[in-house]
PDB file of N, CA and C in Angstrom:
ATOM      1  N   MET A   1       3.669  13.191 -15.372  1.00  0.00           N
ATOM      2  CA  MET A   1       2.315  12.658 -15.277  1.00  0.00           C
ATOM      3  C   MET A   1       2.372  11.276 -14.626  1.00  0.00           C
ATOM      4  N   PRO A   2       1.544  11.058 -13.585  1.00  0.00           N
ATOM      5  CA  PRO A   2       1.585   9.765 -12.902  1.00  0.00           C
ATOM      6  C   PRO A   2       1.081   8.629 -13.782  1.00  0.00           C
ATOM      7  N   ALA A   3       1.574   7.440 -13.499  1.00  0.00           N
ATOM      8  CA  ALA A   3       1.112   6.246 -14.211  1.00  0.00           C
ATOM      9  C   ALA A   3      -0.343   5.977 -13.823  1.00  0.00           C
ATOM     10  N   THR A   4      -1.062   5.266 -14.664  1.00  0.00           N
ATOM     11  CA  THR A   4      -2.458   4.942 -14.413  1.00  0.00           C
ATOM     12  C   THR A   4      -2.561   3.798 -13.402  1.00  0.00           C
ATOM     13  N   GLN A   5      -3.477   3.919 -12.465  1.00  0.00           N
ATOM     14  CA  GLN A   5      -3.679   2.880 -11.458  1.00  0.00           C
ATOM     15  C   GLN A   5      -4.565   1.769 -12.019  1.00  0.00           C
ATOM     16  N   THR A   6      -4.217   0.523 -11.676  1.00  0.00           N
ATOM     17  CA  THR A   6      -5.087  -0.612 -11.995  1.00  0.00           C
ATOM     18  C   THR A   6      -6.233  -0.615 -10.981  1.00  0.00           C
ATOM     19  N   GLN A   7      -7.213  -1.492 -11.173  1.00  0.00           N
ATOM     20  CA  GLN A   7      -8.332  -1.561 -10.240  1.00  0.00           C
ATOM     21  C   GLN A   7      -7.854  -1.928  -8.834  1.00  0.00           C
ATOM     22  N   THR A   8      -6.957  -2.889  -8.737  1.00  0.00           N
ATOM     23  CA  THR A   8      -6.416  -3.279  -7.424  1.00  0.00           C
ATOM     24  C   THR A   8      -5.668  -2.118  -6.790  1.00  0.00           C
ATOM     25  N   GLU A   9      -4.903  -1.379  -7.584  1.00  0.00           N
ATOM     26  CA  GLU A   9      -4.169  -0.223  -7.059  1.00  0.00           C
ATOM     27  C   GLU A   9      -5.128   0.868  -6.596  1.00  0.00           C
ATOM     28  N   GLN A  10      -6.245   1.055  -7.303  1.00  0.00           N
ATOM     29  CA  GLN A  10      -7.244   2.050  -6.887  1.00  0.00           C
ATOM     30  C   GLN A  10      -7.845   1.667  -5.537  1.00  0.00           C
ATOM     31  N   GLU A  11      -8.194   0.383  -5.398  1.00  0.00           N
ATOM     32  CA  GLU A  11      -8.728  -0.148  -4.139  1.00  0.00           C
ATOM     33  C   GLU A  11      -7.748   0.066  -2.998  1.00  0.00           C
ATOM     34  N   LEU A  12      -6.502  -0.272  -3.259  1.00  0.00           N
ATOM     35  CA  LEU A  12      -5.456  -0.179  -2.252  1.00  0.00           C
ATOM     36  C   LEU A  12      -5.158   1.273  -1.901  1.00  0.00           C
ATOM     37  N   ALA A  13      -5.144   2.151  -2.894  1.00  0.00           N
ATOM     38  CA  ALA A  13      -4.913   3.575  -2.641  1.00  0.00           C
ATOM     39  C   ALA A  13      -5.998   4.129  -1.725  1.00  0.00           C
ATOM     40  N   ALA A  14      -7.246   3.731  -1.969  1.00  0.00           N
ATOM     41  CA  ALA A  14      -8.350   4.175  -1.112  1.00  0.00           C
ATOM     42  C   ALA A  14      -8.172   3.633   0.304  1.00  0.00           C
ATOM     43  N   LEU A  15      -7.738   2.382   0.421  1.00  0.00           N
ATOM     44  CA  LEU A  15      -7.492   1.776   1.734  1.00  0.00           C
ATOM     45  C   LEU A  15      -6.385   2.535   2.475  1.00  0.00           C
ATOM     46  N   ILE A  16      -5.308   2.874   1.782  1.00  0.00           N
ATOM     47  CA  ILE A  16      -4.187   3.605   2.387  1.00  0.00           C
ATOM     48  C   ILE A  16      -4.667   4.961   2.908  1.00  0.00           C
ATOM     49  N   VAL A  17      -5.378   5.697   2.076  1.00  0.00           N
ATOM     50  CA  VAL A  17      -5.861   7.026   2.457  1.00  0.00           C
ATOM     51  C   VAL A  17      -6.797   6.936   3.664  1.00  0.00           C
ATOM     52  N   GLN A  18      -7.703   5.961   3.640  1.00  0.00           N
ATOM     53  CA  GLN A  18      -8.660   5.800   4.734  1.00  0.00           C
ATOM     54  C   GLN A  18      -7.973   5.316   6.010  1.00  0.00           C
ATOM     55  N   ALA A  19      -7.186   4.261   5.908  1.00  0.00           N
ATOM     56  CA  ALA A  19      -6.560   3.656   7.089  1.00  0.00           C
ATOM     57  C   ALA A  19      -5.594   4.609   7.787  1.00  0.00           C
ATOM     58  N   LEU A  20      -4.901   5.433   7.006  1.00  0.00           N
ATOM     59  CA  LEU A  20      -3.882   6.316   7.582  1.00  0.00           C
ATOM     60  C   LEU A  20      -4.359   7.760   7.723  1.00  0.00           C
ATOM     61  N   ASN A  21      -5.657   7.990   7.446  1.00  0.00           N
ATOM     62  CA  ASN A  21      -6.233   9.336   7.571  1.00  0.00           C
ATOM     63  C   ASN A  21      -5.430  10.391   6.819  1.00  0.00           C
ATOM     64  N   LEU A  22      -5.096  10.092   5.576  1.00  0.00           N
ATOM     65  CA  LEU A  22      -4.330  11.027   4.750  1.00  0.00           C
ATOM     66  C   LEU A  22      -5.296  12.037   4.116  1.00  0.00           C
ATOM     67  N   GLU A  23      -5.691  13.026   4.904  1.00  0.00           N
ATOM     68  CA  GLU A  23      -6.730  13.953   4.483  1.00  0.00           C
ATOM     69  C   GLU A  23      -6.331  14.826   3.299  1.00  0.00           C
ATOM     70  N   THR A  24      -5.045  15.020   3.096  1.00  0.00           N
ATOM     71  CA  THR A  24      -4.608  15.889   2.007  1.00  0.00           C
ATOM     72  C   THR A  24      -4.280  15.120   0.729  1.00  0.00           C
ATOM     73  N   VAL A  25      -4.525  13.805   0.746  1.00  0.00           N
ATOM     74  CA  VAL A  25      -4.184  12.965  -0.408  1.00  0.00           C
ATOM     75  C   VAL A  25      -5.446  12.317  -0.967  1.00  0.00           C
ATOM     76  N   ALA A  26      -5.650  12.465  -2.276  1.00  0.00           N
ATOM     77  CA  ALA A  26      -6.746  11.759  -2.940  1.00  0.00           C
ATOM     78  C   ALA A  26      -6.190  10.427  -3.447  1.00  0.00           C
ATOM     79  N   PRO A  27      -6.955   9.330  -3.284  1.00  0.00           N
ATOM     80  CA  PRO A  27      -6.453   8.022  -3.734  1.00  0.00           C
ATOM     81  C   PRO A  27      -5.981   8.038  -5.188  1.00  0.00           C
ATOM     82  N   GLY A  28      -6.695   8.739  -6.049  1.00  0.00           N
ATOM     83  CA  GLY A  28      -6.330   8.785  -7.461  1.00  0.00           C
ATOM     84  C   GLY A  28      -5.058   9.566  -7.744  1.00  0.00           C
ATOM     85  N   ASP A  29      -4.587  10.336  -6.750  1.00  0.00           N
ATOM     86  CA  ASP A  29      -3.373  11.130  -6.930  1.00  0.00           C
ATOM     87  C   ASP A  29      -2.106  10.359  -6.565  1.00  0.00           C
ATOM     88  N   ILE A  30      -2.271   9.160  -6.007  1.00  0.00           N
ATOM     89  CA  ILE A  30      -1.090   8.374  -5.622  1.00  0.00           C
ATOM     90  C   ILE A  30      -0.533   7.698  -6.867  1.00  0.00           C
ATOM     91  N   ASP A  31       0.662   8.098  -7.252  1.00  0.00           N
ATOM     92  CA  ASP A  31       1.334   7.495  -8.405  1.00  0.00           C
ATOM     93  C   ASP A  31       1.718   6.075  -8.018  1.00  0.00           C
ATOM     94  N   PRO A  32       1.246   5.065  -8.769  1.00  0.00           N
ATOM     95  CA  PRO A  32       1.516   3.673  -8.377  1.00  0.00           C
ATOM     96  C   PRO A  32       2.996   3.306  -8.372  1.00  0.00           C
ATOM     97  N   GLU A  33       3.820   4.120  -9.028  1.00  0.00           N
ATOM     98  CA  GLU A  33       5.253   3.810  -9.067  1.00  0.00           C
ATOM     99  C   GLU A  33       6.073   4.681  -8.119  1.00  0.00           C
ATOM    100  N   GLN A  34       5.417   5.626  -7.454  1.00  0.00           N
ATOM    101  CA  GLN A  34       6.086   6.513  -6.509  1.00  0.00           C
ATOM    102  C   GLN A  34       6.346   5.769  -5.200  1.00  0.00           C
ATOM    103  N   PRO A  35       7.479   6.036  -4.541  1.00  0.00           N
ATOM    104  CA  PRO A  35       7.740   5.392  -3.250  1.00  0.00           C
ATOM    105  C   PRO A  35       6.655   5.741  -2.236  1.00  0.00           C
ATOM    106  N   LEU A  36       6.284   4.770  -1.402  1.00  0.00           N
ATOM    107  CA  LEU A  36       5.303   5.033  -0.350  1.00  0.00           C
ATOM    108  C   LEU A  36       5.964   5.702   0.857  1.00  0.00           C
ATOM    109  N   PHE A  37       7.259   5.456   1.047  1.00  0.00           N
ATOM    110  CA  PHE A  37       7.976   5.974   2.210  1.00  0.00           C
ATOM    111  C   PHE A  37       8.974   7.040   1.784  1.00  0.00           C
ATOM    112  N   GLY A  38       9.438   7.803   2.770  1.00  0.00           N
ATOM    113  CA  GLY A  38      10.435   8.819   2.484  1.00  0.00           C
ATOM    114  C   GLY A  38       9.892   9.930   1.600  1.00  0.00           C
ATOM    115  N   GLU A  39      10.604  10.232   0.538  1.00  0.00           N
ATOM    116  CA  GLU A  39      10.254  11.368  -0.313  1.00  0.00           C
ATOM    117  C   GLU A  39       8.960  11.179  -1.090  1.00  0.00           C
ATOM    118  N   GLY A  40       8.533   9.939  -1.260  1.00  0.00           N
ATOM    119  CA  GLY A  40       7.309   9.686  -2.007  1.00  0.00           C
ATOM    120  C   GLY A  40       6.085  10.163  -1.241  1.00  0.00           C
ATOM    121  N   LEU A  41       5.295   9.224  -0.775  1.00  0.00           N
ATOM    122  CA  LEU A  41       4.070   9.540  -0.038  1.00  0.00           C
ATOM    123  C   LEU A  41       4.383   9.978   1.396  1.00  0.00           C
ATOM    124  N   GLY A  42       5.596   9.684   1.850  1.00  0.00           N
ATOM    125  CA  GLY A  42       6.032  10.150   3.167  1.00  0.00           C
ATOM    126  C   GLY A  42       5.569   9.300   4.337  1.00  0.00           C
ATOM    127  N   LEU A  43       5.250   8.035   4.092  1.00  0.00           N
ATOM    128  CA  LEU A  43       4.827   7.162   5.180  1.00  0.00           C
ATOM    129  C   LEU A  43       6.023   6.779   6.046  1.00  0.00           C
ATOM    130  N   ASP A  44       5.727   6.316   7.269  1.00  0.00           N
ATOM    131  CA  ASP A  44       6.795   5.872   8.168  1.00  0.00           C
ATOM    132  C   ASP A  44       6.509   4.450   8.665  1.00  0.00           C
ATOM    133  N   SER A  45       7.337   3.957   9.568  1.00  0.00           N
ATOM    134  CA  SER A  45       7.211   2.562  10.011  1.00  0.00           C
ATOM    135  C   SER A  45       5.899   2.306  10.751  1.00  0.00           C
ATOM    136  N   ILE A  46       5.397   3.282  11.482  1.00  0.00           N
ATOM    137  CA  ILE A  46       4.105   3.120  12.164  1.00  0.00           C
ATOM    138  C   ILE A  46       2.998   2.981  11.121  1.00  0.00           C
ATOM    139  N   ASP A  47       3.075   3.784  10.061  1.00  0.00           N
ATOM    140  CA  ASP A  47       2.103   3.678   8.968  1.00  0.00           C
ATOM    141  C   ASP A  47       2.147   2.278   8.355  1.00  0.00           C
ATOM    142  N   ALA A  48       3.348   1.735   8.199  1.00  0.00           N
ATOM    143  CA  ALA A  48       3.500   0.402   7.609  1.00  0.00           C
ATOM    144  C   ALA A  48       2.803  -0.644   8.467  1.00  0.00           C
ATOM    145  N   LEU A  49       2.932  -0.538   9.791  1.00  0.00           N
ATOM    146  CA  LEU A  49       2.277  -1.486  10.693  1.00  0.00           C
ATOM    147  C   LEU A  49       0.758  -1.377  10.584  1.00  0.00           C
ATOM    148  N   GLU A  50       0.246  -0.149  10.581  1.00  0.00           N
ATOM    149  CA  GLU A  50      -1.199   0.057  10.467  1.00  0.00           C
ATOM    150  C   GLU A  50      -1.708  -0.470   9.131  1.00  0.00           C
ATOM    151  N   LEU A  51      -0.948  -0.212   8.095  1.00  0.00           N
ATOM    152  CA  LEU A  51      -1.323  -0.647   6.748  1.00  0.00           C
ATOM    153  C   LEU A  51      -1.323  -2.174   6.656  1.00  0.00           C
ATOM    154  N   ALA A  52      -0.311  -2.812   7.226  1.00  0.00           N
ATOM    155  CA  ALA A  52      -0.237  -4.276   7.214  1.00  0.00           C
ATOM    156  C   ALA A  52      -1.448  -4.879   7.920  1.00  0.00           C
ATOM    157  N   LEU A  53      -1.874  -4.260   9.025  1.00  0.00           N
ATOM    158  CA  LEU A  53      -3.042  -4.739   9.765  1.00  0.00           C
ATOM    159  C   LEU A  53      -4.305  -4.608   8.905  1.00  0.00           C
ATOM    160  N   GLU A  54      -4.489  -3.469   8.265  1.00  0.00           N
ATOM    161  CA  GLU A  54      -5.661  -3.255   7.411  1.00  0.00           C
ATOM    162  C   GLU A  54      -5.666  -4.207   6.219  1.00  0.00           C
ATOM    163  N   ILE A  55      -4.499  -4.432   5.629  1.00  0.00           N
ATOM    164  CA  ILE A  55      -4.390  -5.347   4.487  1.00  0.00           C
ATOM    165  C   ILE A  55      -4.744  -6.764   4.930  1.00  0.00           C
ATOM    166  N   SER A  56      -4.271  -7.157   6.115  1.00  0.00           N
ATOM    167  CA  SER A  56      -4.593  -8.483   6.646  1.00  0.00           C
ATOM    168  C   SER A  56      -6.101  -8.652   6.802  1.00  0.00           C
ATOM    169  N   LYS A  57      -6.762  -7.627   7.349  1.00  0.00           N
ATOM    170  CA  LYS A  57      -8.217  -7.679   7.543  1.00  0.00           C
ATOM    171  C   LYS A  57      -8.946  -7.727   6.201  1.00  0.00           C
ATOM    172  N   ARG A  58      -8.548  -6.871   5.288  1.00  0.00           N
ATOM    173  CA  ARG A  58      -9.270  -6.722   4.020  1.00  0.00           C
ATOM    174  C   ARG A  58      -9.033  -7.893   3.077  1.00  0.00           C
ATOM    175  N   TYR A  59      -7.788  -8.352   2.992  1.00  0.00           N
ATOM    176  CA  TYR A  59      -7.438  -9.334   1.960  1.00  0.00           C
ATOM    177  C   TYR A  59      -7.218 -10.753   2.485  1.00  0.00           C
ATOM    178  N   GLY A  60      -7.287 -10.940   3.801  1.00  0.00           N
ATOM    179  CA  GLY A  60      -7.303 -12.279   4.357  1.00  0.00           C
ATOM    180  C   GLY A  60      -5.978 -13.021   4.381  1.00  0.00           C
ATOM    181  N   PHE A  61      -4.877 -12.305   4.447  1.00  0.00           N
ATOM    182  CA  PHE A  61      -3.588 -12.974   4.657  1.00  0.00           C
ATOM    183  C   PHE A  61      -2.720 -12.094   5.544  1.00  0.00           C
ATOM    184  N   GLN A  62      -1.831 -12.751   6.278  1.00  0.00           N
ATOM    185  CA  GLN A  62      -1.003 -12.062   7.263  1.00  0.00           C
ATOM    186  C   GLN A  62       0.244 -11.473   6.607  1.00  0.00           C
ATOM    187  N   MET A  63       0.490 -10.217   6.892  1.00  0.00           N
ATOM    188  CA  MET A  63       1.750  -9.596   6.475  1.00  0.00           C
ATOM    189  C   MET A  63       2.628  -9.565   7.716  1.00  0.00           C
ATOM    190  N   ARG A  64       3.850 -10.032   7.588  1.00  0.00           N
ATOM    191  CA  ARG A  64       4.738 -10.152   8.749  1.00  0.00           C
ATOM    192  C   ARG A  64       5.724  -8.993   8.810  1.00  0.00           C
ATOM    193  N   SER A  65       5.893  -8.448  10.006  1.00  0.00           N
ATOM    194  CA  SER A  65       6.816  -7.328  10.179  1.00  0.00           C
ATOM    195  C   SER A  65       8.269  -7.759  10.003  1.00  0.00           C
ATOM    196  N   ASP A  66       8.536  -9.062  10.153  1.00  0.00           N
ATOM    197  CA  ASP A  66       9.913  -9.545  10.020  1.00  0.00           C
ATOM    198  C   ASP A  66      10.204 -10.136   8.637  1.00  0.00           C
ATOM    199  N   ASP A  67       9.310  -9.913   7.688  1.00  0.00           N
ATOM    200  CA  ASP A  67       9.540 -10.411   6.324  1.00  0.00           C
ATOM    201  C   ASP A  67      10.707  -9.645   5.710  1.00  0.00           C
ATOM    202  N   GLU A  68      11.720 -10.379   5.284  1.00  0.00           N
ATOM    203  CA  GLU A  68      12.910  -9.722   4.730  1.00  0.00           C
ATOM    204  C   GLU A  68      12.627  -8.987   3.422  1.00  0.00           C
ATOM    205  N   ASN A  69      11.481  -9.245   2.807  1.00  0.00           N
ATOM    206  CA  ASN A  69      11.127  -8.587   1.551  1.00  0.00           C
ATOM    207  C   ASN A  69      10.247  -7.355   1.740  1.00  0.00           C
ATOM    208  N   ASN A  70       9.997  -6.943   2.983  1.00  0.00           N
ATOM    209  CA  ASN A  70       9.093  -5.813   3.216  1.00  0.00           C
ATOM    210  C   ASN A  70       9.511  -4.548   2.480  1.00  0.00           C
ATOM    211  N   ARG A  71      10.806  -4.305   2.385  1.00  0.00           N
ATOM    212  CA  ARG A  71      11.261  -3.097   1.699  1.00  0.00           C
ATOM    213  C   ARG A  71      10.791  -3.106   0.242  1.00  0.00           C
ATOM    214  N   GLN A  72      10.849  -4.262  -0.412  1.00  0.00           N
ATOM    215  CA  GLN A  72      10.375  -4.378  -1.794  1.00  0.00           C
ATOM    216  C   GLN A  72       8.846  -4.387  -1.848  1.00  0.00           C
ATOM    217  N   ILE A  73       8.213  -5.104  -0.903  1.00  0.00           N
ATOM    218  CA  ILE A  73       6.752  -5.205  -0.889  1.00  0.00           C
ATOM    219  C   ILE A  73       6.121  -3.829  -0.745  1.00  0.00           C
ATOM    220  N   PHE A  74       6.652  -3.012   0.164  1.00  0.00           N
ATOM    221  CA  PHE A  74       6.102  -1.690   0.435  1.00  0.00           C
ATOM    222  C   PHE A  74       6.797  -0.586  -0.362  1.00  0.00           C
ATOM    223  N   ALA A  75       7.544  -0.941  -1.387  1.00  0.00           N
ATOM    224  CA  ALA A  75       8.293   0.054  -2.159  1.00  0.00           C
ATOM    225  C   ALA A  75       7.370   1.073  -2.822  1.00  0.00           C
ATOM    226  N   SER A  76       6.254   0.613  -3.349  1.00  0.00           N
ATOM    227  CA  SER A  76       5.332   1.497  -4.062  1.00  0.00           C
ATOM    228  C   SER A  76       3.935   0.891  -4.017  1.00  0.00           C
ATOM    229  N   LEU A  77       2.960   1.671  -4.423  1.00  0.00           N
ATOM    230  CA  LEU A  77       1.592   1.175  -4.516  1.00  0.00           C
ATOM    231  C   LEU A  77       1.529  -0.025  -5.450  1.00  0.00           C
ATOM    232  N   ARG A  78       2.237   0.052  -6.577  1.00  0.00           N
ATOM    233  CA  ARG A  78       2.235  -1.031  -7.558  1.00  0.00           C
ATOM    234  C   ARG A  78       2.838  -2.301  -6.979  1.00  0.00           C
ATOM    235  N   ALA A  79       3.949  -2.177  -6.261  1.00  0.00           N
ATOM    236  CA  ALA A  79       4.601  -3.349  -5.661  1.00  0.00           C
ATOM    237  C   ALA A  79       3.701  -3.977  -4.599  1.00  0.00           C
ATOM    238  N   LEU A  80       3.060  -3.147  -3.784  1.00  0.00           N
ATOM    239  CA  LEU A  80       2.180  -3.645  -2.744  1.00  0.00           C
ATOM    240  C   LEU A  80       0.948  -4.318  -3.347  1.00  0.00           C
ATOM    241  N   ALA A  81       0.365  -3.724  -4.375  1.00  0.00           N
ATOM    242  CA  ALA A  81      -0.804  -4.311  -5.047  1.00  0.00           C
ATOM    243  C   ALA A  81      -0.446  -5.653  -5.674  1.00  0.00           C
ATOM    244  N   SER A  82       0.737  -5.742  -6.241  1.00  0.00           N
ATOM    245  CA  SER A  82       1.200  -6.987  -6.855  1.00  0.00           C
ATOM    246  C   SER A  82       1.355  -8.079  -5.789  1.00  0.00           C
ATOM    247  N   HIS A  83       1.913  -7.713  -4.641  1.00  0.00           N
ATOM    248  CA  HIS A  83       2.083  -8.658  -3.538  1.00  0.00           C
ATOM    249  C   HIS A  83       0.713  -9.148  -3.050  1.00  0.00           C
ATOM    250  N   ILE A  84      -0.224  -8.235  -2.913  1.00  0.00           N
ATOM    251  CA  ILE A  84      -1.571  -8.593  -2.457  1.00  0.00           C
ATOM    252  C   ILE A  84      -2.239  -9.521  -3.467  1.00  0.00           C
ATOM    253  N   ALA A  85      -2.128  -9.196  -4.734  1.00  0.00           N
ATOM    254  CA  ALA A  85      -2.743 -10.033  -5.786  1.00  0.00           C
ATOM    255  C   ALA A  85      -2.198 -11.460  -5.730  1.00  0.00           C
ATOM    256  N   ALA A  86      -0.926 -11.605  -5.401  1.00  0.00           N
ATOM    257  CA  ALA A  86      -0.304 -12.926  -5.356  1.00  0.00           C
ATOM    258  C   ALA A  86      -0.669 -13.705  -4.092  1.00  0.00           C
ATOM    259  N   HIS A  87      -1.081 -13.015  -3.020  1.00  0.00           N
ATOM    260  CA  HIS A  87      -1.282 -13.678  -1.737  1.00  0.00           C
ATOM    261  C   HIS A  87      -2.689 -13.618  -1.169  1.00  0.00           C
ATOM    262  N   ARG A  88      -3.567 -12.840  -1.754  1.00  0.00           N
ATOM    263  CA  ARG A  88      -4.886 -12.664  -1.143  1.00  0.00           C
ATOM    264  C   ARG A  88      -5.653 -13.967  -1.091  1.00  0.00           C
ATOM    265  N   ALA A  89      -6.505 -14.078  -0.072  1.00  0.00           N
ATOM    266  CA  ALA A  89      -7.320 -15.276   0.106  1.00  0.00           C
ATOM    267  C   ALA A  89      -8.311 -15.391  -1.046  1.00  0.00           C
ATOM    268  N   GLN A  90      -8.412 -16.572  -1.600  1.00  0.00           N
ATOM    269  CA  GLN A  90      -9.304 -16.780  -2.748  1.00  0.00           C
ATOM    270  C   GLN A  90     -10.725 -17.022  -2.301  1.00  0.00           C
TER     271      GLN A  90
END
């Protein structure tokens, strides 16, 4: 059974589904602890770039492609939501 999404994770899951046109995925079905890449949600590096652009627009801070922490930041919905919560424009 998937973990319960927080409000920020629900918002972000909807953004991921919309931005990446994931027609077969419902935002509420994304397990916040499941990997976003590879065996998890199956995203790839192009998806990461598109997602970073959408996050920048929506939350008002720049995500850098050369950030050495990207692997951890994009590890899961929960990790990404936590990063956004810590950096979003107030």
